[in-house]
Amino acid sequence: MPLPPSQPRSPFCAWKWWVCGLLLLATMINYMDRLTINQTAKLIKDEIGINNEQYGEIEYAFGLAFALGSLAIGWTVDRWNVRWIYPAALLGWSIAGFLTGFAQGFVPLLACRFALGLFEAGNWPCALRTTQRILRPDQRTLGNGILQSGAAIGAVFTPLIVQALVSGGGTWPYPFRVIGALGAGWVLLWLATVRSEDLTLPPAESDSGASTAGPYERLRGPAVVRIYADRRFLACLVMAVTINLTWHFFRVWLPLFLQEDRGFTPSQMNYFTAGYYLATDAGSLTIGFATLFLARGGMTVHGSRRLMFLCCMILTLFSVAVPWLANRMVVCGLLLVIGFGALGLFPIYYAFTQELTVRHQGKVNGMLGCLTWYATARMHPLVGKWLDQTQDYASIVVVAGLVPMLGFLALLVLWKEPTVAKENTAT
């Protein structure tokens, strides 16, 4: 329950974890709206008559809009209070998802997907701004793991909802309409729980986390430009691009891989992808708890994050074996391991971005989101064109699991471990 305006929040009260639960729900709704098209892709392709390259173009439009939205909303959340921006963005993407259920033809689908990406981009700048304001540095990986696990939970529910609505005599537009109508309830919960002053940056707050790096201190110019020029920002960018290439390849193309390359029926595909996203949820939460456990056990916060990043990266490398295995059970098992590692990388990455700055958190995540989503958006038409020409899933499945190695290398080279005193400075 919200507290009276005169009563300050305690930083150690259960309220902050309830807010993290709301962030989980928002991310869940975000992913449900996003994944509906992936789970119905074959039905849409067959009914509307689009090929893999056009399907990739629809995902490119989503990614391009997400890139633009990340930049715009990232700057917005540093200027105005997240309490109002967050529900506005959520309602926007819910409406776009709902309208997708009325789109008939390639161009209307493209337009709805663009609108969805534009508003969905608001989830992460708003959510990360929130966890940065209400959680201590050693708690943020766990908080980020909780909010990111909403992606997996939403991804678990989506194929089950699609299966129920489509197999029961419905057609592909039904899931879009049902899932698109879920956002209004969250808005009421958010406005009843969070006050504007809960997420306001105190006037005395400084970028203590960002000031620990020598390159940042020596550069001149506006603070946000200095942050962009910091080598730690470059490390975050490489991490962001590489882990997102892996995650979004499997998000977009796994259903088609299972059906077109491995002969899964639509119902088998839906049930397996639900299990796949359960594994990714376990990865996100496990890594969050493990990082907090290691930090409280004596390891530095930076060291615990780096170790967990390495463990998740190793798990994604199992993609190298997937194309060459004929046994379905073994393939499915390896895909679950890959999913566990793929989503486990995200709360670690988010925690690193929150060390760059306090005052300009939205701008930093907006810029990272913009550059990352443009890169991942370009991937999908290329993958679609490759599949139309070769029907070769093996090569791209292998590459998809290898790219997080580059993110880990960037972390090692570009982000030196801070001293304990500086690392634990409260922000």
Protein backbone atom coordinates (compact mmCIF):
# COMPACT_ATOMS: atom_id res chain seq x y z
CA MET A 1 0.00 0.00 0.00
CA PRO A 2 1.29 3.51 -0.73
CA LEU A 3 2.47 5.52 2.26
CA PRO A 4 1.09 8.95 3.22
CA PRO A 5 3.00 11.78 1.52
CA SER A 6 4.42 12.96 4.84
CA GLN A 7 6.02 9.60 5.66
CA PRO A 8 9.38 8.91 3.96
CA ARG A 9 10.18 5.58 2.43
CA SER A 10 12.60 3.35 4.27
CA PRO A 11 15.28 2.11 1.86
CA PHE A 12 15.13 -1.31 3.52
CA CYS A 13 11.37 -1.84 3.52
CA ALA A 14 9.54 -4.47 1.49
CA TRP A 15 8.02 -1.72 -0.64
CA LYS A 16 11.06 -1.62 -2.96
CA TRP A 17 10.73 -5.34 -3.74
CA TRP A 18 7.02 -4.88 -4.41
CA VAL A 19 7.99 -2.20 -6.92
CA CYS A 20 10.45 -4.67 -8.49
CA GLY A 21 7.48 -7.03 -8.78
CA LEU A 22 5.58 -4.36 -10.69
CA LEU A 23 8.57 -3.96 -12.99
CA LEU A 24 8.44 -7.72 -13.56
CA LEU A 25 4.76 -7.47 -14.52
CA ALA A 26 5.43 -4.59 -16.91
CA THR A 27 8.21 -6.53 -18.61
CA MET A 28 5.95 -9.59 -18.76
CA ILE A 29 3.26 -7.60 -20.58
CA ASN A 30 5.94 -6.08 -22.81
CA TYR A 31 7.15 -9.49 -23.93
CA MET A 32 3.69 -10.94 -24.35
CA ASP A 33 2.82 -8.18 -26.82
CA ARG A 34 6.19 -8.63 -28.53
CA LEU A 35 6.24 -12.41 -28.83
CA THR A 36 2.73 -12.96 -30.14
CA ILE A 37 3.88 -12.43 -33.70
CA ASN A 38 6.78 -14.87 -33.27
CA GLN A 39 4.47 -17.61 -32.00
CA THR A 40 2.01 -17.04 -34.86
CA ALA A 41 4.66 -16.41 -37.54
CA LYS A 42 3.97 -19.52 -39.61
CA LEU A 43 0.21 -18.93 -39.53
CA ILE A 44 0.71 -15.32 -40.60
CA LYS A 45 3.15 -16.30 -43.34
CA ASP A 46 0.74 -18.87 -44.73
CA GLU A 47 -2.38 -16.70 -44.54
CA ILE A 48 -0.96 -13.36 -45.71
CA GLY A 49 1.61 -14.85 -48.05
CA ILE A 50 4.89 -13.35 -46.85
CA ASN A 51 8.31 -14.99 -47.05
CA ASN A 52 11.10 -15.16 -44.48
CA GLU A 53 12.75 -11.98 -45.74
CA GLN A 54 9.49 -10.02 -45.38
CA TYR A 55 9.03 -11.48 -41.91
CA GLY A 56 12.54 -10.24 -41.16
CA GLU A 57 11.55 -6.80 -42.50
CA ILE A 58 8.63 -6.70 -40.04
CA GLU A 59 11.05 -7.44 -37.22
CA TYR A 60 13.43 -4.83 -38.64
CA ALA A 61 10.67 -2.21 -38.44
CA PHE A 62 10.08 -3.20 -34.81
CA GLY A 63 13.78 -2.98 -34.00
CA LEU A 64 14.27 0.34 -35.79
CA ALA A 65 11.33 1.85 -33.92
CA PHE A 66 12.69 0.42 -30.67
CA ALA A 67 16.03 2.11 -31.38
CA LEU A 68 14.37 5.48 -31.99
CA GLY A 69 12.10 5.06 -28.98
CA SER A 70 15.02 4.14 -26.72
CA LEU A 71 16.81 7.35 -27.59
CA ALA A 72 13.74 9.58 -27.23
CA ILE A 73 12.36 8.04 -24.04
CA GLY A 74 15.84 7.68 -22.55
CA TRP A 75 16.28 11.45 -22.67
CA THR A 76 12.70 11.98 -21.51
CA VAL A 77 13.06 9.99 -18.27
CA ASP A 78 15.97 12.18 -17.20
CA ARG A 79 13.83 15.28 -17.68
CA TRP A 80 10.41 14.22 -16.35
CA ASN A 81 9.27 11.85 -13.65
CA VAL A 82 9.13 8.16 -14.52
CA ARG A 83 5.90 7.77 -12.54
CA TRP A 84 3.98 9.28 -15.47
CA ILE A 85 6.17 8.27 -18.40
CA TYR A 86 6.08 4.56 -17.60
CA PRO A 87 2.27 4.06 -17.69
CA ALA A 88 2.00 6.24 -20.81
CA ALA A 89 4.50 4.04 -22.62
CA LEU A 90 2.80 0.85 -21.46
CA LEU A 91 -0.61 1.98 -22.66
CA GLY A 92 0.93 2.97 -25.99
CA TRP A 93 2.43 -0.44 -26.66
CA SER A 94 -0.70 -2.24 -25.44
CA ILE A 95 -2.82 -0.33 -27.95
CA ALA A 96 -0.34 -1.08 -30.75
CA GLY A 97 -0.40 -4.77 -29.88
CA PHE A 98 -4.19 -4.82 -29.79
CA LEU A 99 -4.46 -3.16 -33.21
CA THR A 100 -2.11 -5.74 -34.72
CA GLY A 101 -4.99 -8.19 -34.41
CA PHE A 102 -6.90 -6.13 -36.99
CA ALA A 103 -4.05 -5.80 -39.49
CA GLN A 104 -4.48 -7.65 -42.78
CA GLY A 105 -1.53 -7.50 -45.13
CA PHE A 106 2.20 -6.85 -44.99
CA VAL A 107 2.09 -3.02 -44.74
CA PRO A 108 -0.46 -2.83 -41.86
CA LEU A 109 1.54 -5.43 -39.94
CA LEU A 110 4.70 -3.43 -40.55
CA ALA A 111 3.02 -0.23 -39.27
CA CYS A 112 1.65 -1.89 -36.13
CA ARG A 113 4.98 -3.50 -35.39
CA PHE A 114 6.74 -0.13 -35.77
CA ALA A 115 4.32 1.49 -33.30
CA LEU A 116 4.77 -1.40 -30.88
CA GLY A 117 8.55 -1.02 -30.91
CA LEU A 118 8.37 2.75 -30.46
CA PHE A 119 6.41 2.48 -27.20
CA GLU A 120 7.93 -0.76 -25.90
CA ALA A 121 11.30 0.99 -25.86
CA GLY A 122 10.12 2.89 -22.80
CA ASN A 123 10.13 -0.19 -20.56
CA TRP A 124 13.85 -0.48 -19.90
CA PRO A 125 14.83 3.19 -19.41
CA CYS A 126 11.92 3.54 -16.99
CA ALA A 127 12.54 0.25 -15.19
CA LEU A 128 16.29 0.72 -14.83
CA ARG A 129 15.81 4.30 -13.66
CA THR A 130 13.49 2.88 -10.99
CA THR A 131 15.82 0.15 -9.72
CA GLN A 132 18.72 2.58 -9.66
CA ARG A 133 16.78 4.97 -7.47
CA ILE A 134 15.37 2.44 -4.97
CA LEU A 135 18.13 -0.23 -4.66
CA ARG A 136 21.70 -0.24 -3.37
CA PRO A 137 24.49 -1.20 -5.85
CA ASP A 138 24.86 -4.71 -4.41
CA GLN A 139 21.10 -5.27 -4.78
CA ARG A 140 20.74 -4.02 -8.33
CA THR A 141 21.70 -7.20 -10.18
CA LEU A 142 19.00 -9.04 -8.24
CA GLY A 143 16.48 -6.24 -8.81
CA ASN A 144 17.35 -6.20 -12.49
CA GLY A 145 17.07 -9.98 -12.57
CA ILE A 146 13.57 -9.76 -11.13
CA LEU A 147 12.41 -7.20 -13.69
CA GLN A 148 14.12 -9.04 -16.55
CA SER A 149 12.54 -12.34 -15.49
CA GLY A 150 9.25 -10.78 -16.52
CA ALA A 151 10.42 -11.24 -20.11
CA ALA A 152 10.66 -14.97 -19.55
CA ILE A 153 7.38 -15.23 -17.66
CA GLY A 154 5.58 -13.35 -20.42
CA ALA A 155 7.28 -15.57 -22.95
CA VAL A 156 6.05 -18.66 -21.09
CA PHE A 157 2.44 -17.49 -21.06
CA THR A 158 2.37 -16.28 -24.66
CA PRO A 159 2.71 -19.63 -26.46
CA LEU A 160 0.16 -21.17 -24.07
CA ILE A 161 -2.33 -18.38 -24.78
CA VAL A 162 -1.68 -18.66 -28.52
CA GLN A 163 -2.14 -22.42 -28.35
CA ALA A 164 -5.44 -22.09 -26.46
CA LEU A 165 -6.89 -19.40 -28.74
CA VAL A 166 -5.73 -20.77 -32.08
CA SER A 167 -6.25 -24.48 -31.49
CA GLY A 168 -9.75 -23.78 -30.17
CA GLY A 169 -10.98 -22.69 -33.60
CA GLY A 170 -9.63 -19.16 -33.53
CA THR A 171 -7.30 -17.51 -35.99
CA TRP A 172 -3.99 -15.71 -35.55
CA PRO A 173 -5.50 -12.22 -34.78
CA TYR A 174 -7.21 -13.44 -31.58
CA PRO A 175 -4.07 -13.65 -29.40
CA PHE A 176 -3.07 -10.09 -30.38
CA ARG A 177 -6.43 -8.73 -29.27
CA VAL A 178 -6.52 -10.63 -25.98
CA ILE A 179 -2.92 -9.91 -24.96
CA GLY A 180 -3.11 -6.30 -26.08
CA ALA A 181 -5.90 -5.63 -23.60
CA LEU A 182 -3.85 -6.53 -20.49
CA GLY A 183 -2.04 -3.25 -19.85
CA ALA A 184 -4.73 -1.17 -18.13
CA GLY A 185 -4.63 -3.09 -14.86
CA TRP A 186 -0.88 -2.57 -14.46
CA VAL A 187 -1.26 1.19 -14.85
CA LEU A 188 -3.68 1.32 -11.92
CA LEU A 189 -1.33 -0.73 -9.71
CA TRP A 190 1.65 1.45 -10.59
CA LEU A 191 -0.10 4.75 -9.88
CA ALA A 192 -1.43 3.38 -6.57
CA THR A 193 2.02 2.21 -5.44
CA VAL A 194 4.60 4.74 -6.62
CA ARG A 195 4.68 8.44 -5.75
CA SER A 196 6.46 11.06 -7.80
CA GLU A 197 8.90 11.81 -4.97
CA ASP A 198 9.94 8.14 -4.75
CA LEU A 199 11.75 8.43 -8.08
CA THR A 200 12.96 12.03 -7.89
CA LEU A 201 16.71 12.56 -7.93
CA PRO A 202 17.78 14.47 -4.79
CA PRO A 203 19.49 17.80 -5.58
CA ALA A 204 22.64 16.71 -3.77
CA GLU A 205 22.92 13.43 -5.73
CA SER A 206 26.06 13.24 -7.82
CA ASP A 207 27.45 10.82 -10.36
CA SER A 208 29.62 9.14 -7.79
CA GLY A 209 29.62 5.87 -9.69
CA ALA A 210 30.77 7.53 -12.90
CA SER A 211 33.50 9.59 -11.26
CA THR A 212 35.61 6.55 -10.39
CA ALA A 213 37.08 6.20 -13.89
CA GLY A 214 40.14 8.16 -14.87
CA PRO A 215 39.14 8.65 -18.54
CA TYR A 216 35.78 10.06 -17.47
CA GLU A 217 37.36 12.61 -15.13
CA ARG A 218 39.91 13.84 -17.68
CA LEU A 219 37.46 14.51 -20.49
CA ARG A 220 35.88 17.91 -20.95
CA GLY A 221 32.44 18.89 -22.18
CA PRO A 222 28.86 18.14 -21.09
CA ALA A 223 28.59 15.30 -18.59
CA VAL A 224 26.61 13.02 -20.87
CA VAL A 225 29.14 13.46 -23.70
CA ARG A 226 31.94 12.56 -21.31
CA ILE A 227 30.07 9.43 -20.34
CA TYR A 228 29.64 8.42 -23.99
CA ALA A 229 33.40 8.87 -24.45
CA ASP A 230 34.24 6.73 -21.41
CA ARG A 231 35.71 3.36 -22.32
CA ARG A 232 33.28 1.73 -19.88
CA PHE A 233 30.43 2.98 -22.06
CA LEU A 234 32.09 1.24 -25.01
CA ALA A 235 32.31 -1.95 -22.91
CA CYS A 236 28.59 -1.70 -22.17
CA LEU A 237 27.81 -1.13 -25.85
CA VAL A 238 29.73 -4.23 -26.96
CA MET A 239 28.09 -6.27 -24.20
CA ALA A 240 24.66 -4.95 -25.16
CA VAL A 241 24.99 -5.68 -28.87
CA THR A 242 26.42 -9.16 -28.44
CA ILE A 243 24.02 -10.47 -25.79
CA ASN A 244 21.04 -8.98 -27.63
CA LEU A 245 22.07 -10.59 -30.93
CA THR A 246 21.97 -13.96 -29.20
CA TRP A 247 18.76 -13.37 -27.28
CA HIS A 248 16.78 -11.86 -30.14
CA PHE A 249 17.91 -14.40 -32.70
CA PHE A 250 16.36 -17.16 -30.61
CA ARG A 251 13.34 -15.00 -29.73
CA VAL A 252 12.47 -14.34 -33.37
CA TRP A 253 13.67 -17.46 -35.17
CA LEU A 254 13.44 -20.32 -32.66
CA PRO A 255 9.74 -21.07 -33.44
CA LEU A 256 10.48 -21.29 -37.16
CA PHE A 257 13.68 -23.28 -36.56
CA LEU A 258 11.72 -25.85 -34.58
CA GLN A 259 8.99 -26.14 -37.21
CA GLU A 260 10.88 -25.74 -40.49
CA ASP A 261 14.18 -27.40 -39.58
CA ARG A 262 13.19 -29.90 -36.87
CA GLY A 263 9.66 -30.78 -37.94
CA PHE A 264 7.83 -29.69 -34.79
CA THR A 265 4.07 -29.29 -35.07
CA PRO A 266 2.64 -25.88 -34.01
CA SER A 267 1.44 -27.31 -30.67
CA GLN A 268 4.81 -28.98 -30.01
CA MET A 269 6.54 -25.72 -30.81
CA ASN A 270 4.28 -23.74 -28.47
CA TYR A 271 4.75 -26.12 -25.56
CA PHE A 272 8.51 -26.32 -26.00
CA THR A 273 8.98 -22.56 -26.27
CA ALA A 274 7.01 -22.20 -23.02
CA GLY A 275 9.56 -24.54 -21.42
CA TYR A 276 12.42 -22.66 -23.08
CA TYR A 277 11.32 -19.40 -21.52
CA LEU A 278 10.90 -21.06 -18.13
CA ALA A 279 14.59 -21.92 -18.40
CA THR A 280 15.45 -18.34 -19.31
CA ASP A 281 13.47 -17.11 -16.30
CA ALA A 282 15.44 -19.45 -14.07
CA GLY A 283 18.63 -18.04 -15.57
CA SER A 284 17.71 -14.43 -14.91
CA LEU A 285 16.71 -15.02 -11.28
CA THR A 286 19.51 -17.49 -10.49
CA ILE A 287 22.20 -15.14 -11.74
CA GLY A 288 20.71 -12.25 -9.75
CA PHE A 289 20.70 -14.27 -6.52
CA ALA A 290 24.15 -15.76 -7.21
CA THR A 291 25.72 -12.34 -7.76
CA LEU A 292 24.25 -11.01 -4.51
CA PHE A 293 25.37 -14.18 -2.65
CA LEU A 294 28.95 -13.86 -3.92
CA ALA A 295 29.11 -10.15 -3.08
CA ARG A 296 27.86 -10.76 0.46
CA GLY A 297 30.31 -13.65 0.79
CA GLY A 298 33.32 -11.41 0.35
CA MET A 299 33.81 -11.14 -3.40
CA THR A 300 33.73 -7.64 -4.86
CA VAL A 301 30.54 -6.57 -6.61
CA HIS A 302 32.44 -6.14 -9.86
CA GLY A 303 34.14 -9.54 -9.52
CA SER A 304 30.87 -11.35 -8.82
CA ARG A 305 29.23 -9.78 -11.87
CA ARG A 306 32.16 -10.63 -14.10
CA LEU A 307 32.26 -14.27 -12.92
CA MET A 308 28.53 -14.72 -13.54
CA PHE A 309 28.86 -13.15 -17.00
CA LEU A 310 31.57 -15.72 -17.81
CA CYS A 311 29.38 -18.61 -16.62
CA CYS A 312 26.41 -17.48 -18.73
CA MET A 313 28.62 -16.94 -21.77
CA ILE A 314 29.92 -20.51 -21.50
CA LEU A 315 26.33 -21.81 -21.49
CA THR A 316 25.47 -20.00 -24.74
CA LEU A 317 28.42 -21.74 -26.43
CA PHE A 318 26.40 -24.98 -26.47
CA SER A 319 24.74 -23.61 -29.61
CA VAL A 320 27.75 -24.93 -31.51
CA ALA A 321 26.48 -28.48 -30.96
CA VAL A 322 22.76 -27.92 -31.66
CA PRO A 323 22.73 -28.10 -35.50
CA TRP A 324 24.67 -31.36 -35.61
CA LEU A 325 22.49 -33.39 -33.25
CA ALA A 326 19.62 -35.53 -34.53
CA ASN A 327 18.11 -36.55 -31.20
CA ARG A 328 15.22 -34.21 -30.39
CA MET A 329 15.50 -34.61 -26.63
CA VAL A 330 19.18 -33.74 -26.62
CA VAL A 331 18.59 -30.71 -28.86
CA CYS A 332 15.78 -29.50 -26.63
CA GLY A 333 17.95 -29.94 -23.55
CA LEU A 334 20.77 -27.90 -25.07
CA LEU A 335 18.35 -25.17 -26.11
CA LEU A 336 17.15 -24.93 -22.50
CA VAL A 337 20.75 -24.52 -21.33
CA ILE A 338 21.37 -21.83 -23.95
CA GLY A 339 18.23 -19.97 -22.91
CA PHE A 340 19.27 -20.11 -19.24
CA GLY A 341 22.58 -18.45 -20.07
CA ALA A 342 21.24 -16.02 -22.66
CA LEU A 343 18.82 -14.24 -20.32
CA GLY A 344 21.14 -14.55 -17.33
CA LEU A 345 23.51 -12.13 -19.07
CA PHE A 346 21.02 -9.25 -18.99
CA PRO A 347 20.75 -8.37 -15.27
CA ILE A 348 24.55 -8.30 -15.11
CA TYR A 349 24.77 -5.96 -18.09
CA TYR A 350 22.08 -3.67 -16.67
CA ALA A 351 23.94 -3.45 -13.37
CA PHE A 352 27.08 -2.33 -15.20
CA THR A 353 25.19 0.41 -17.04
CA GLN A 354 23.88 1.71 -13.72
CA GLU A 355 27.45 2.29 -12.54
CA LEU A 356 28.13 4.81 -15.31
CA THR A 357 25.89 7.59 -14.05
CA VAL A 358 22.98 8.49 -11.82
CA ARG A 359 21.76 11.78 -13.22
CA HIS A 360 21.98 10.72 -16.87
CA GLN A 361 20.84 7.11 -16.51
CA GLY A 362 18.02 7.51 -19.01
CA LYS A 363 20.25 9.05 -21.65
CA VAL A 364 22.88 6.35 -21.23
CA ASN A 365 20.40 3.48 -21.50
CA GLY A 366 18.59 5.28 -24.30
CA MET A 367 21.76 5.60 -26.36
CA LEU A 368 22.79 2.01 -25.63
CA GLY A 369 19.30 0.82 -26.54
CA CYS A 370 19.26 2.84 -29.75
CA LEU A 371 22.59 1.53 -31.02
CA THR A 372 21.89 -2.02 -29.88
CA TRP A 373 18.43 -2.26 -31.38
CA TYR A 374 19.57 -0.85 -34.70
CA ALA A 375 22.25 -3.55 -34.85
CA THR A 376 19.87 -6.36 -33.90
CA ALA A 377 17.15 -5.05 -36.22
CA ARG A 378 19.51 -5.27 -39.18
CA MET A 379 20.13 -8.92 -38.33
CA HIS A 380 16.58 -10.14 -39.02
CA PRO A 381 16.19 -9.31 -42.76
CA LEU A 382 19.65 -10.76 -43.36
CA VAL A 383 18.74 -13.96 -41.53
CA GLY A 384 15.45 -14.17 -43.46
CA LYS A 385 17.18 -13.67 -46.80
CA TRP A 386 19.78 -16.31 -45.91
CA LEU A 387 17.07 -18.82 -45.01
CA ASP A 388 15.04 -18.13 -48.16
CA GLN A 389 18.14 -18.80 -50.27
CA THR A 390 19.76 -21.70 -48.38
CA GLN A 391 17.34 -23.14 -45.80
CA ASP A 392 20.49 -23.41 -43.65
CA TYR A 393 19.70 -22.85 -39.98
CA ALA A 394 22.89 -24.57 -38.79
CA SER A 395 25.33 -21.76 -39.51
CA ILE A 396 23.34 -18.97 -37.90
CA VAL A 397 22.45 -21.04 -34.82
CA VAL A 398 26.16 -21.61 -34.24
CA VAL A 399 27.09 -17.94 -34.66
CA ALA A 400 24.21 -16.80 -32.43
CA GLY A 401 25.71 -18.59 -29.42
CA LEU A 402 29.28 -17.44 -30.02
CA VAL A 403 28.87 -13.66 -30.06
CA PRO A 404 28.61 -13.12 -26.25
CA MET A 405 32.32 -14.01 -26.10
CA LEU A 406 33.04 -10.61 -27.64
CA GLY A 407 31.01 -8.95 -24.88
CA PHE A 408 33.01 -10.72 -22.18
CA LEU A 409 36.28 -9.77 -23.88
CA ALA A 410 35.18 -6.11 -23.95
CA LEU A 411 34.36 -6.29 -20.25
CA LEU A 412 37.81 -7.66 -19.43
CA VAL A 413 39.72 -5.17 -21.56
CA LEU A 414 37.72 -1.96 -21.15
CA TRP A 415 36.39 -2.11 -17.60
CA LYS A 416 39.02 -2.45 -14.91
CA GLU A 417 37.88 -3.58 -11.47
CA PRO A 418 37.46 -0.56 -9.14
CA THR A 419 38.76 -0.49 -5.61
CA VAL A 420 36.36 -1.69 -2.94
CA ALA A 421 35.98 1.74 -1.44
CA LYS A 422 34.99 3.32 -4.71
CA GLU A 423 32.91 0.39 -5.88
CA ASN A 424 30.65 0.44 -2.84
CA THR A 425 30.02 4.17 -2.89
CA ALA A 426 26.29 4.67 -2.54
CA THR A 427 24.57 6.21 -5.53
